[in-house]
Amino acid sequence: MRIDELYRAIGGDYNDVLSRFMTEERVVRFVRKFPADGSFTLLQQSLKEGNAEEAFRAAHTLKGVAQNLSFTELYERAVTVTEILRGGSLNVAAEMPALEKSYLHTVKSIEALE
């Protein structure tokens, strides 16, 4: 899969990220680093532990990374979870399946990158 195909597959904005990173090589380099980011795992763990503050930080970080990489669909899902957690509520169970699906799809697509 080429990088532009990856962005189409995950509901991202390739032209937006390319305008920021300036070259396809830089986009690819940073996209390949995304799976190593521990924000999603930390979010899941913090929710299990009932730690709203840490869950908020993890969701907020995931949101920021997704925004910087123009992973639009993942970003939008992370925004929803972040805003629920912002007020200290852990009531995100209804939103987590969509976030997880988008996150896993993004990671799997990155793994298929040429």
PDB file of N, CA and C in Angstrom:
ATOM      1  N   MET A   1       0.849  -1.171   0.000  1.00  0.00           N
ATOM      2  CA  MET A   1       0.000   0.000   0.000  1.00  0.00           C
ATOM      3  C   MET A   1       0.898   1.240   0.000  1.00  0.00           C
ATOM      4  N   ARG A   2       0.581   2.180  -0.856  1.00  0.00           N
ATOM      5  CA  ARG A   2       1.300   3.454  -0.891  1.00  0.00           C
ATOM      6  C   ARG A   2       0.742   4.383   0.195  1.00  0.00           C
ATOM      7  N   ILE A   3       1.491   5.409   0.521  1.00  0.00           N
ATOM      8  CA  ILE A   3       1.091   6.316   1.599  1.00  0.00           C
ATOM      9  C   ILE A   3      -0.216   7.044   1.274  1.00  0.00           C
ATOM     10  N   ASP A   4      -0.411   7.457   0.054  1.00  0.00           N
ATOM     11  CA  ASP A   4      -1.664   8.130  -0.293  1.00  0.00           C
ATOM     12  C   ASP A   4      -2.846   7.167  -0.197  1.00  0.00           C
ATOM     13  N   GLU A   5      -2.612   5.900  -0.543  1.00  0.00           N
ATOM     14  CA  GLU A   5      -3.662   4.885  -0.413  1.00  0.00           C
ATOM     15  C   GLU A   5      -3.986   4.629   1.057  1.00  0.00           C
ATOM     16  N   LEU A   6      -2.953   4.635   1.886  1.00  0.00           N
ATOM     17  CA  LEU A   6      -3.167   4.462   3.326  1.00  0.00           C
ATOM     18  C   LEU A   6      -4.099   5.553   3.852  1.00  0.00           C
ATOM     19  N   TYR A   7      -3.840   6.780   3.485  1.00  0.00           N
ATOM     20  CA  TYR A   7      -4.667   7.883   3.966  1.00  0.00           C
ATOM     21  C   TYR A   7      -6.113   7.754   3.490  1.00  0.00           C
ATOM     22  N   ARG A   8      -6.312   7.322   2.274  1.00  0.00           N
ATOM     23  CA  ARG A   8      -7.692   7.102   1.796  1.00  0.00           C
ATOM     24  C   ARG A   8      -8.351   5.976   2.598  1.00  0.00           C
ATOM     25  N   ALA A   9      -7.596   4.914   2.851  1.00  0.00           N
ATOM     26  CA  ALA A   9      -8.143   3.747   3.551  1.00  0.00           C
ATOM     27  C   ALA A   9      -8.549   4.057   4.987  1.00  0.00           C
ATOM     28  N   ILE A  10      -7.839   4.968   5.639  1.00  0.00           N
ATOM     29  CA  ILE A  10      -8.122   5.236   7.055  1.00  0.00           C
ATOM     30  C   ILE A  10      -8.958   6.500   7.271  1.00  0.00           C
ATOM     31  N   GLY A  11      -9.383   7.130   6.200  1.00  0.00           N
ATOM     32  CA  GLY A  11     -10.167   8.352   6.348  1.00  0.00           C
ATOM     33  C   GLY A  11      -9.299   9.516   6.792  1.00  0.00           C
ATOM     34  N   GLY A  12      -8.095   9.591   6.237  1.00  0.00           N
ATOM     35  CA  GLY A  12      -7.177  10.672   6.577  1.00  0.00           C
ATOM     36  C   GLY A  12      -7.088  11.696   5.466  1.00  0.00           C
ATOM     37  N   ASP A  13      -6.301  12.716   5.681  1.00  0.00           N
ATOM     38  CA  ASP A  13      -6.142  13.802   4.711  1.00  0.00           C
ATOM     39  C   ASP A  13      -4.671  13.881   4.308  1.00  0.00           C
ATOM     40  N   TYR A  14      -4.320  13.178   3.244  1.00  0.00           N
ATOM     41  CA  TYR A  14      -2.937  13.120   2.800  1.00  0.00           C
ATOM     42  C   TYR A  14      -2.421  14.485   2.366  1.00  0.00           C
ATOM     43  N   ASN A  15      -3.213  15.244   1.647  1.00  0.00           N
ATOM     44  CA  ASN A  15      -2.757  16.554   1.186  1.00  0.00           C
ATOM     45  C   ASN A  15      -2.457  17.486   2.352  1.00  0.00           C
ATOM     46  N   ASP A  16      -3.242  17.385   3.409  1.00  0.00           N
ATOM     47  CA  ASP A  16      -3.011  18.219   4.589  1.00  0.00           C
ATOM     48  C   ASP A  16      -1.680  17.868   5.260  1.00  0.00           C
ATOM     49  N   VAL A  17      -1.441  16.585   5.485  1.00  0.00           N
ATOM     50  CA  VAL A  17      -0.192  16.192   6.143  1.00  0.00           C
ATOM     51  C   VAL A  17       1.002  16.491   5.242  1.00  0.00           C
ATOM     52  N   LEU A  18       0.854  16.300   3.963  1.00  0.00           N
ATOM     53  CA  LEU A  18       1.947  16.581   3.038  1.00  0.00           C
ATOM     54  C   LEU A  18       2.290  18.074   3.036  1.00  0.00           C
ATOM     55  N   SER A  19       1.294  18.921   3.170  1.00  0.00           N
ATOM     56  CA  SER A  19       1.560  20.367   3.206  1.00  0.00           C
ATOM     57  C   SER A  19       2.356  20.760   4.454  1.00  0.00           C
ATOM     58  N   ARG A  20       2.192  20.012   5.535  1.00  0.00           N
ATOM     59  CA  ARG A  20       2.942  20.285   6.769  1.00  0.00           C
ATOM     60  C   ARG A  20       4.324  19.660   6.766  1.00  0.00           C
ATOM     61  N   PHE A  21       4.426  18.441   6.307  1.00  0.00           N
ATOM     62  CA  PHE A  21       5.684  17.697   6.377  1.00  0.00           C
ATOM     63  C   PHE A  21       6.567  17.922   5.147  1.00  0.00           C
ATOM     64  N   MET A  22       6.013  18.480   4.106  1.00  0.00           N
ATOM     65  CA  MET A  22       6.708  18.941   2.911  1.00  0.00           C
ATOM     66  C   MET A  22       7.167  17.844   1.937  1.00  0.00           C
ATOM     67  N   THR A  23       7.490  16.659   2.411  1.00  0.00           N
ATOM     68  CA  THR A  23       7.890  15.592   1.488  1.00  0.00           C
ATOM     69  C   THR A  23       7.207  14.284   1.883  1.00  0.00           C
ATOM     70  N   GLU A  24       6.993  13.454   0.885  1.00  0.00           N
ATOM     71  CA  GLU A  24       6.385  12.149   1.136  1.00  0.00           C
ATOM     72  C   GLU A  24       7.259  11.312   2.066  1.00  0.00           C
ATOM     73  N   GLU A  25       8.562  11.413   1.913  1.00  0.00           N
ATOM     74  CA  GLU A  25       9.474  10.637   2.744  1.00  0.00           C
ATOM     75  C   GLU A  25       9.309  10.985   4.229  1.00  0.00           C
ATOM     76  N   ARG A  26       9.142  12.259   4.524  1.00  0.00           N
ATOM     77  CA  ARG A  26       8.944  12.666   5.922  1.00  0.00           C
ATOM     78  C   ARG A  26       7.595  12.166   6.445  1.00  0.00           C
ATOM     79  N   VAL A  27       6.571  12.229   5.614  1.00  0.00           N
ATOM     80  CA  VAL A  27       5.252  11.725   6.026  1.00  0.00           C
ATOM     81  C   VAL A  27       5.375  10.249   6.370  1.00  0.00           C
ATOM     82  N   VAL A  28       5.985   9.481   5.481  1.00  0.00           N
ATOM     83  CA  VAL A  28       6.136   8.039   5.698  1.00  0.00           C
ATOM     84  C   VAL A  28       6.923   7.775   6.979  1.00  0.00           C
ATOM     85  N   ARG A  29       7.997   8.512   7.177  1.00  0.00           N
ATOM     86  CA  ARG A  29       8.834   8.293   8.366  1.00  0.00           C
ATOM     87  C   ARG A  29       8.030   8.495   9.650  1.00  0.00           C
ATOM     88  N   PHE A  30       7.244   9.557   9.719  1.00  0.00           N
ATOM     89  CA  PHE A  30       6.487   9.819  10.935  1.00  0.00           C
ATOM     90  C   PHE A  30       5.276   8.901  11.076  1.00  0.00           C
ATOM     91  N   VAL A  31       4.643   8.562   9.982  1.00  0.00           N
ATOM     92  CA  VAL A  31       3.516   7.627  10.029  1.00  0.00           C
ATOM     93  C   VAL A  31       3.983   6.270  10.555  1.00  0.00           C
ATOM     94  N   ARG A  32       5.147   5.825  10.120  1.00  0.00           N
ATOM     95  CA  ARG A  32       5.671   4.530  10.578  1.00  0.00           C
ATOM     96  C   ARG A  32       5.948   4.514  12.082  1.00  0.00           C
ATOM     97  N   LYS A  33       6.161   5.658  12.673  1.00  0.00           N
ATOM     98  CA  LYS A  33       6.407   5.746  14.117  1.00  0.00           C
ATOM     99  C   LYS A  33       5.122   5.656  14.938  1.00  0.00           C
ATOM    100  N   PHE A  34       3.987   5.908  14.308  1.00  0.00           N
ATOM    101  CA  PHE A  34       2.724   5.965  15.036  1.00  0.00           C
ATOM    102  C   PHE A  34       2.411   4.704  15.850  1.00  0.00           C
ATOM    103  N   PRO A  35       2.574   3.498  15.312  1.00  0.00           N
ATOM    104  CA  PRO A  35       2.226   2.309  16.107  1.00  0.00           C
ATOM    105  C   PRO A  35       2.998   2.187  17.426  1.00  0.00           C
ATOM    106  N   ALA A  36       4.162   2.810  17.515  1.00  0.00           N
ATOM    107  CA  ALA A  36       4.956   2.747  18.746  1.00  0.00           C
ATOM    108  C   ALA A  36       4.466   3.727  19.813  1.00  0.00           C
ATOM    109  N   ASP A  37       3.600   4.652  19.423  1.00  0.00           N
ATOM    110  CA  ASP A  37       3.052   5.590  20.395  1.00  0.00           C
ATOM    111  C   ASP A  37       2.148   4.835  21.361  1.00  0.00           C
ATOM    112  N   GLY A  38       2.369   4.990  22.652  1.00  0.00           N
ATOM    113  CA  GLY A  38       1.643   4.221  23.657  1.00  0.00           C
ATOM    114  C   GLY A  38       0.368   4.853  24.173  1.00  0.00           C
ATOM    115  N   SER A  39      -0.094   5.916  23.552  1.00  0.00           N
ATOM    116  CA  SER A  39      -1.251   6.651  24.071  1.00  0.00           C
ATOM    117  C   SER A  39      -2.522   5.802  24.141  1.00  0.00           C
ATOM    118  N   PHE A  40      -2.787   5.038  23.090  1.00  0.00           N
ATOM    119  CA  PHE A  40      -4.018   4.249  23.090  1.00  0.00           C
ATOM    120  C   PHE A  40      -3.979   3.173  24.173  1.00  0.00           C
ATOM    121  N   THR A  41      -2.849   2.501  24.296  1.00  0.00           N
ATOM    122  CA  THR A  41      -2.696   1.475  25.329  1.00  0.00           C
ATOM    123  C   THR A  41      -2.831   2.091  26.722  1.00  0.00           C
ATOM    124  N   LEU A  42      -2.219   3.247  26.923  1.00  0.00           N
ATOM    125  CA  LEU A  42      -2.323   3.940  28.205  1.00  0.00           C
ATOM    126  C   LEU A  42      -3.766   4.345  28.483  1.00  0.00           C
ATOM    127  N   LEU A  43      -4.475   4.786  27.465  1.00  0.00           N
ATOM    128  CA  LEU A  43      -5.894   5.133  27.623  1.00  0.00           C
ATOM    129  C   LEU A  43      -6.685   3.920  28.103  1.00  0.00           C
ATOM    130  N   GLN A  44      -6.499   2.794  27.444  1.00  0.00           N
ATOM    131  CA  GLN A  44      -7.220   1.579  27.841  1.00  0.00           C
ATOM    132  C   GLN A  44      -6.895   1.187  29.281  1.00  0.00           C
ATOM    133  N   GLN A  45      -5.615   1.205  29.622  1.00  0.00           N
ATOM    134  CA  GLN A  45      -5.187   0.819  30.970  1.00  0.00           C
ATOM    135  C   GLN A  45      -5.741   1.782  32.016  1.00  0.00           C
ATOM    136  N   SER A  46      -5.695   3.060  31.732  1.00  0.00           N
ATOM    137  CA  SER A  46      -6.189   4.064  32.676  1.00  0.00           C
ATOM    138  C   SER A  46      -7.690   3.929  32.901  1.00  0.00           C
ATOM    139  N   LEU A  47      -8.409   3.593  31.860  1.00  0.00           N
ATOM    140  CA  LEU A  47      -9.855   3.380  32.005  1.00  0.00           C
ATOM    141  C   LEU A  47     -10.125   2.160  32.883  1.00  0.00           C
ATOM    142  N   LYS A  48      -9.372   1.084  32.671  1.00  0.00           N
ATOM    143  CA  LYS A  48      -9.530  -0.117  33.495  1.00  0.00           C
ATOM    144  C   LYS A  48      -9.250   0.179  34.960  1.00  0.00           C
ATOM    145  N   GLU A  49      -8.280   1.028  35.211  1.00  0.00           N
ATOM    146  CA  GLU A  49      -7.895   1.379  36.585  1.00  0.00           C
ATOM    147  C   GLU A  49      -8.773   2.471  37.188  1.00  0.00           C
ATOM    148  N   GLY A  50      -9.646   3.054  36.374  1.00  0.00           N
ATOM    149  CA  GLY A  50     -10.514   4.121  36.870  1.00  0.00           C
ATOM    150  C   GLY A  50      -9.792   5.435  37.087  1.00  0.00           C
ATOM    151  N   ASN A  51      -8.689   5.635  36.395  1.00  0.00           N
ATOM    152  CA  ASN A  51      -7.884   6.847  36.538  1.00  0.00           C
ATOM    153  C   ASN A  51      -8.283   7.843  35.447  1.00  0.00           C
ATOM    154  N   ALA A  52      -9.239   8.702  35.768  1.00  0.00           N
ATOM    155  CA  ALA A  52      -9.781   9.641  34.786  1.00  0.00           C
ATOM    156  C   ALA A  52      -8.747  10.655  34.322  1.00  0.00           C
ATOM    157  N   GLU A  53      -7.901  11.108  35.232  1.00  0.00           N
ATOM    158  CA  GLU A  53      -6.902  12.114  34.870  1.00  0.00           C
ATOM    159  C   GLU A  53      -5.896  11.563  33.852  1.00  0.00           C
ATOM    160  N   GLU A  54      -5.399  10.373  34.121  1.00  0.00           N
ATOM    161  CA  GLU A  54      -4.445   9.748  33.204  1.00  0.00           C
ATOM    162  C   GLU A  54      -5.125   9.356  31.895  1.00  0.00           C
ATOM    163  N   ALA A  55      -6.360   8.900  31.960  1.00  0.00           N
ATOM    164  CA  ALA A  55      -7.107   8.557  30.750  1.00  0.00           C
ATOM    165  C   ALA A  55      -7.291   9.801  29.880  1.00  0.00           C
ATOM    166  N   PHE A  56      -7.592  10.920  30.507  1.00  0.00           N
ATOM    167  CA  PHE A  56      -7.732  12.168  29.758  1.00  0.00           C
ATOM    168  C   PHE A  56      -6.424  12.527  29.064  1.00  0.00           C
ATOM    169  N   ARG A  57      -5.320  12.464  29.789  1.00  0.00           N
ATOM    170  CA  ARG A  57      -4.025  12.810  29.187  1.00  0.00           C
ATOM    171  C   ARG A  57      -3.703  11.902  27.997  1.00  0.00           C
ATOM    172  N   ALA A  58      -3.975  10.612  28.160  1.00  0.00           N
ATOM    173  CA  ALA A  58      -3.697   9.663  27.079  1.00  0.00           C
ATOM    174  C   ALA A  58      -4.577   9.937  25.858  1.00  0.00           C
ATOM    175  N   ALA A  59      -5.862  10.181  26.084  1.00  0.00           N
ATOM    176  CA  ALA A  59      -6.779  10.481  24.977  1.00  0.00           C
ATOM    177  C   ALA A  59      -6.383  11.786  24.295  1.00  0.00           C
ATOM    178  N   HIS A  60      -5.999  12.762  25.085  1.00  0.00           N
ATOM    179  CA  HIS A  60      -5.597  14.061  24.547  1.00  0.00           C
ATOM    180  C   HIS A  60      -4.327  13.922  23.698  1.00  0.00           C
ATOM    181  N   THR A  61      -3.392  13.109  24.141  1.00  0.00           N
ATOM    182  CA  THR A  61      -2.174  12.870  23.376  1.00  0.00           C
ATOM    183  C   THR A  61      -2.493  12.147  22.072  1.00  0.00           C
ATOM    184  N   LEU A  62      -3.324  11.125  22.143  1.00  0.00           N
ATOM    185  CA  LEU A  62      -3.728  10.404  20.945  1.00  0.00           C
ATOM    186  C   LEU A  62      -4.400  11.351  19.956  1.00  0.00           C
ATOM    187  N   LYS A  63      -5.252  12.197  20.466  1.00  0.00           N
ATOM    188  CA  LYS A  63      -5.943  13.181  19.631  1.00  0.00           C
ATOM    189  C   LYS A  63      -4.927  14.080  18.931  1.00  0.00           C
ATOM    190  N   GLY A  64      -3.944  14.569  19.658  1.00  0.00           N
ATOM    191  CA  GLY A  64      -2.946  15.462  19.087  1.00  0.00           C
ATOM    192  C   GLY A  64      -2.082  14.795  18.035  1.00  0.00           C
ATOM    193  N   VAL A  65      -1.668  13.579  18.301  1.00  0.00           N
ATOM    194  CA  VAL A  65      -0.844  12.847  17.338  1.00  0.00           C
ATOM    195  C   VAL A  65      -1.659  12.577  16.074  1.00  0.00           C
ATOM    196  N   ALA A  66      -2.898  12.154  16.241  1.00  0.00           N
ATOM    197  CA  ALA A  66      -3.763  11.889  15.086  1.00  0.00           C
ATOM    198  C   ALA A  66      -3.997  13.169  14.277  1.00  0.00           C
ATOM    199  N   GLN A  67      -4.148  14.273  14.963  1.00  0.00           N
ATOM    200  CA  GLN A  67      -4.347  15.542  14.262  1.00  0.00           C
ATOM    201  C   GLN A  67      -3.085  15.938  13.490  1.00  0.00           C
ATOM    202  N   ASN A  68      -1.929  15.820  14.133  1.00  0.00           N
ATOM    203  CA  ASN A  68      -0.674  16.185  13.462  1.00  0.00           C
ATOM    204  C   ASN A  68      -0.409  15.340  12.229  1.00  0.00           C
ATOM    205  N   LEU A  69      -0.811  14.072  12.275  1.00  0.00           N
ATOM    206  CA  LEU A  69      -0.608  13.179  11.142  1.00  0.00           C
ATOM    207  C   LEU A  69      -1.778  13.203  10.161  1.00  0.00           C
ATOM    208  N   SER A  70      -2.782  14.020  10.430  1.00  0.00           N
ATOM    209  CA  SER A  70      -3.984  14.142   9.592  1.00  0.00           C
ATOM    210  C   SER A  70      -4.725  12.822   9.454  1.00  0.00           C
ATOM    211  N   PHE A  71      -4.746  12.051  10.544  1.00  0.00           N
ATOM    212  CA  PHE A  71      -5.558  10.840  10.613  1.00  0.00           C
ATOM    213  C   PHE A  71      -6.959  11.289  11.043  1.00  0.00           C
ATOM    214  N   THR A  72      -7.701  11.853  10.132  1.00  0.00           N
ATOM    215  CA  THR A  72      -8.936  12.576  10.423  1.00  0.00           C
ATOM    216  C   THR A  72      -9.967  11.741  11.181  1.00  0.00           C
ATOM    217  N   GLU A  73     -10.246  10.549  10.702  1.00  0.00           N
ATOM    218  CA  GLU A  73     -11.260   9.724  11.369  1.00  0.00           C
ATOM    219  C   GLU A  73     -10.839   9.377  12.801  1.00  0.00           C
ATOM    220  N   LEU A  74      -9.606   8.966  12.973  1.00  0.00           N
ATOM    221  CA  LEU A  74      -9.107   8.639  14.306  1.00  0.00           C
ATOM    222  C   LEU A  74      -9.123   9.882  15.192  1.00  0.00           C
ATOM    223  N   TYR A  75      -8.731  10.998  14.658  1.00  0.00           N
ATOM    224  CA  TYR A  75      -8.748  12.261  15.400  1.00  0.00           C
ATOM    225  C   TYR A  75     -10.159  12.574  15.898  1.00  0.00           C
ATOM    226  N   GLU A  76     -11.140  12.478  15.036  1.00  0.00           N
ATOM    227  CA  GLU A  76     -12.525  12.802  15.418  1.00  0.00           C
ATOM    228  C   GLU A  76     -13.027  11.885  16.525  1.00  0.00           C
ATOM    229  N   ARG A  77     -12.692  10.618  16.448  1.00  0.00           N
ATOM    230  CA  ARG A  77     -13.103   9.674  17.497  1.00  0.00           C
ATOM    231  C   ARG A  77     -12.394   9.996  18.810  1.00  0.00           C
ATOM    232  N   ALA A  78     -11.120  10.368  18.722  1.00  0.00           N
ATOM    233  CA  ALA A  78     -10.354  10.724  19.924  1.00  0.00           C
ATOM    234  C   ALA A  78     -10.885  12.013  20.550  1.00  0.00           C
ATOM    235  N   VAL A  79     -11.336  12.942  19.741  1.00  0.00           N
ATOM    236  CA  VAL A  79     -11.921  14.187  20.265  1.00  0.00           C
ATOM    237  C   VAL A  79     -13.122  13.865  21.146  1.00  0.00           C
ATOM    238  N   THR A  80     -13.985  13.001  20.667  1.00  0.00           N
ATOM    239  CA  THR A  80     -15.189  12.650  21.424  1.00  0.00           C
ATOM    240  C   THR A  80     -14.827  12.073  22.785  1.00  0.00           C
ATOM    241  N   VAL A  81     -13.900  11.136  22.819  1.00  0.00           N
ATOM    242  CA  VAL A  81     -13.483  10.513  24.082  1.00  0.00           C
ATOM    243  C   VAL A  81     -12.787  11.541  24.972  1.00  0.00           C
ATOM    244  N   THR A  82     -11.931  12.347  24.394  1.00  0.00           N
ATOM    245  CA  THR A  82     -11.210  13.366  25.169  1.00  0.00           C
ATOM    246  C   THR A  82     -12.177  14.323  25.849  1.00  0.00           C
ATOM    247  N   GLU A  83     -13.177  14.762  25.133  1.00  0.00           N
ATOM    248  CA  GLU A  83     -14.106  15.740  25.706  1.00  0.00           C
ATOM    249  C   GLU A  83     -14.948  15.139  26.836  1.00  0.00           C
ATOM    250  N   ILE A  84     -15.281  13.883  26.743  1.00  0.00           N
ATOM    251  CA  ILE A  84     -16.003  13.228  27.844  1.00  0.00           C
ATOM    252  C   ILE A  84     -15.095  13.146  29.070  1.00  0.00           C
ATOM    253  N   LEU A  85     -13.852  12.767  28.830  1.00  0.00           N
ATOM    254  CA  LEU A  85     -12.899  12.614  29.938  1.00  0.00           C
ATOM    255  C   LEU A  85     -12.462  13.954  30.530  1.00  0.00           C
ATOM    256  N   ARG A  86     -12.527  15.009  29.747  1.00  0.00           N
ATOM    257  CA  ARG A  86     -12.078  16.331  30.196  1.00  0.00           C
ATOM    258  C   ARG A  86     -12.745  16.751  31.501  1.00  0.00           C
ATOM    259  N   GLY A  87     -14.002  16.421  31.650  1.00  0.00           N
ATOM    260  CA  GLY A  87     -14.737  16.794  32.855  1.00  0.00           C
ATOM    261  C   GLY A  87     -14.561  15.819  34.008  1.00  0.00           C
ATOM    262  N   GLY A  88     -13.715  14.808  33.825  1.00  0.00           N
ATOM    263  CA  GLY A  88     -13.472  13.849  34.888  1.00  0.00           C
ATOM    264  C   GLY A  88     -14.380  12.625  34.846  1.00  0.00           C
ATOM    265  N   SER A  89     -15.267  12.576  33.873  1.00  0.00           N
ATOM    266  CA  SER A  89     -16.157  11.427  33.729  1.00  0.00           C
ATOM    267  C   SER A  89     -15.418  10.283  33.042  1.00  0.00           C
ATOM    268  N   LEU A  90     -15.673   9.075  33.507  1.00  0.00           N
ATOM    269  CA  LEU A  90     -15.121   7.881  32.861  1.00  0.00           C
ATOM    270  C   LEU A  90     -16.154   7.192  31.974  1.00  0.00           C
ATOM    271  N   ASN A  91     -17.238   7.871  31.709  1.00  0.00           N
ATOM    272  CA  ASN A  91     -18.355   7.301  30.965  1.00  0.00           C
ATOM    273  C   ASN A  91     -18.098   7.329  29.454  1.00  0.00           C
ATOM    274  N   VAL A  92     -17.083   6.598  29.012  1.00  0.00           N
ATOM    275  CA  VAL A  92     -16.719   6.567  27.600  1.00  0.00           C
ATOM    276  C   VAL A  92     -16.954   5.203  26.958  1.00  0.00           C
ATOM    277  N   ALA A  93     -17.566   4.293  27.676  1.00  0.00           N
ATOM    278  CA  ALA A  93     -17.744   2.920  27.180  1.00  0.00           C
ATOM    279  C   ALA A  93     -18.455   2.886  25.828  1.00  0.00           C
ATOM    280  N   ALA A  94     -19.410   3.759  25.619  1.00  0.00           N
ATOM    281  CA  ALA A  94     -20.149   3.757  24.362  1.00  0.00           C
ATOM    282  C   ALA A  94     -19.292   4.245  23.190  1.00  0.00           C
ATOM    283  N   GLU A  95     -18.280   5.035  23.473  1.00  0.00           N
ATOM    284  CA  GLU A  95     -17.439   5.618  22.427  1.00  0.00           C
ATOM    285  C   GLU A  95     -16.181   4.799  22.126  1.00  0.00           C
ATOM    286  N   MET A  96     -15.760   3.978  23.076  1.00  0.00           N
ATOM    287  CA  MET A  96     -14.492   3.264  22.927  1.00  0.00           C
ATOM    288  C   MET A  96     -14.462   2.250  21.775  1.00  0.00           C
ATOM    289  N   PRO A  97     -15.540   1.517  21.491  1.00  0.00           N
ATOM    290  CA  PRO A  97     -15.459   0.570  20.372  1.00  0.00           C
ATOM    291  C   PRO A  97     -15.128   1.251  19.037  1.00  0.00           C
ATOM    292  N   ALA A  98     -15.716   2.397  18.767  1.00  0.00           N
ATOM    293  CA  ALA A  98     -15.437   3.109  17.515  1.00  0.00           C
ATOM    294  C   ALA A  98     -14.009   3.631  17.501  1.00  0.00           C
ATOM    295  N   LEU A  99     -13.540   4.141  18.639  1.00  0.00           N
ATOM    296  CA  LEU A  99     -12.162   4.620  18.721  1.00  0.00           C
ATOM    297  C   LEU A  99     -11.191   3.460  18.520  1.00  0.00           C
ATOM    298  N   GLU A 100     -11.452   2.354  19.192  1.00  0.00           N
ATOM    299  CA  GLU A 100     -10.576   1.195  19.067  1.00  0.00           C
ATOM    300  C   GLU A 100     -10.554   0.665  17.632  1.00  0.00           C
ATOM    301  N   LYS A 101     -11.704   0.590  17.001  1.00  0.00           N
ATOM    302  CA  LYS A 101     -11.783   0.105  15.624  1.00  0.00           C
ATOM    303  C   LYS A 101     -10.959   1.002  14.699  1.00  0.00           C
ATOM    304  N   SER A 102     -11.103   2.307  14.850  1.00  0.00           N
ATOM    305  CA  SER A 102     -10.356   3.247  14.022  1.00  0.00           C
ATOM    306  C   SER A 102      -8.858   3.146  14.288  1.00  0.00           C
ATOM    307  N   TYR A 103      -8.491   3.040  15.566  1.00  0.00           N
ATOM    308  CA  TYR A 103      -7.078   2.925  15.937  1.00  0.00           C
ATOM    309  C   TYR A 103      -6.470   1.652  15.339  1.00  0.00           C
ATOM    310  N   LEU A 104      -7.125   0.525  15.532  1.00  0.00           N
ATOM    311  CA  LEU A 104      -6.595  -0.750  15.033  1.00  0.00           C
ATOM    312  C   LEU A 104      -6.522  -0.775  13.509  1.00  0.00           C
ATOM    313  N   HIS A 105      -7.508  -0.188  12.860  1.00  0.00           N
ATOM    314  CA  HIS A 105      -7.501  -0.108  11.396  1.00  0.00           C
ATOM    315  C   HIS A 105      -6.319   0.743  10.919  1.00  0.00           C
ATOM    316  N   THR A 106      -6.064   1.827  11.616  1.00  0.00           N
ATOM    317  CA  THR A 106      -4.944   2.701  11.270  1.00  0.00           C
ATOM    318  C   THR A 106      -3.623   1.962  11.420  1.00  0.00           C
ATOM    319  N   VAL A 107      -3.437   1.286  12.552  1.00  0.00           N
ATOM    320  CA  VAL A 107      -2.187   0.552  12.793  1.00  0.00           C
ATOM    321  C   VAL A 107      -2.006  -0.564  11.758  1.00  0.00           C
ATOM    322  N   LYS A 108      -3.063  -1.295  11.495  1.00  0.00           N
ATOM    323  CA  LYS A 108      -2.984  -2.389  10.516  1.00  0.00           C
ATOM    324  C   LYS A 108      -2.643  -1.846   9.122  1.00  0.00           C
ATOM    325  N   SER A 109      -3.213  -0.724   8.783  1.00  0.00           N
ATOM    326  CA  SER A 109      -2.933  -0.110   7.480  1.00  0.00           C
ATOM    327  C   SER A 109      -1.478   0.343   7.399  1.00  0.00           C
ATOM    328  N   ILE A 110      -0.964   0.883   8.490  1.00  0.00           N
ATOM    329  CA  ILE A 110       0.444   1.310   8.517  1.00  0.00           C
ATOM    330  C   ILE A 110       1.354   0.095   8.329  1.00  0.00           C
ATOM    331  N   GLU A 111       0.992  -1.005   8.933  1.00  0.00           N
ATOM    332  CA  GLU A 111       1.794  -2.224   8.782  1.00  0.00           C
ATOM    333  C   GLU A 111       1.818  -2.719   7.343  1.00  0.00           C
ATOM    334  N   ALA A 112       0.802  -2.352   6.555  1.00  0.00           N
ATOM    335  CA  ALA A 112       0.739  -2.761   5.151  1.00  0.00           C
ATOM    336  C   ALA A 112       1.420  -1.753   4.226  1.00  0.00           C
ATOM    337  N   LEU A 113       1.965  -0.711   4.802  1.00  0.00           N
ATOM    338  CA  LEU A 113       2.618   0.339   4.010  1.00  0.00           C
ATOM    339  C   LEU A 113       3.880  -0.200   3.343  1.00  0.00           C
ATOM    340  N   GLU A 114       4.044   0.111   2.067  1.00  0.00           N
ATOM    341  CA  GLU A 114       5.229  -0.331   1.317  1.00  0.00           C
ATOM    342  C   GLU A 114       6.462   0.397   1.792  1.00  0.00           C
TER     343      GLU A 114
END
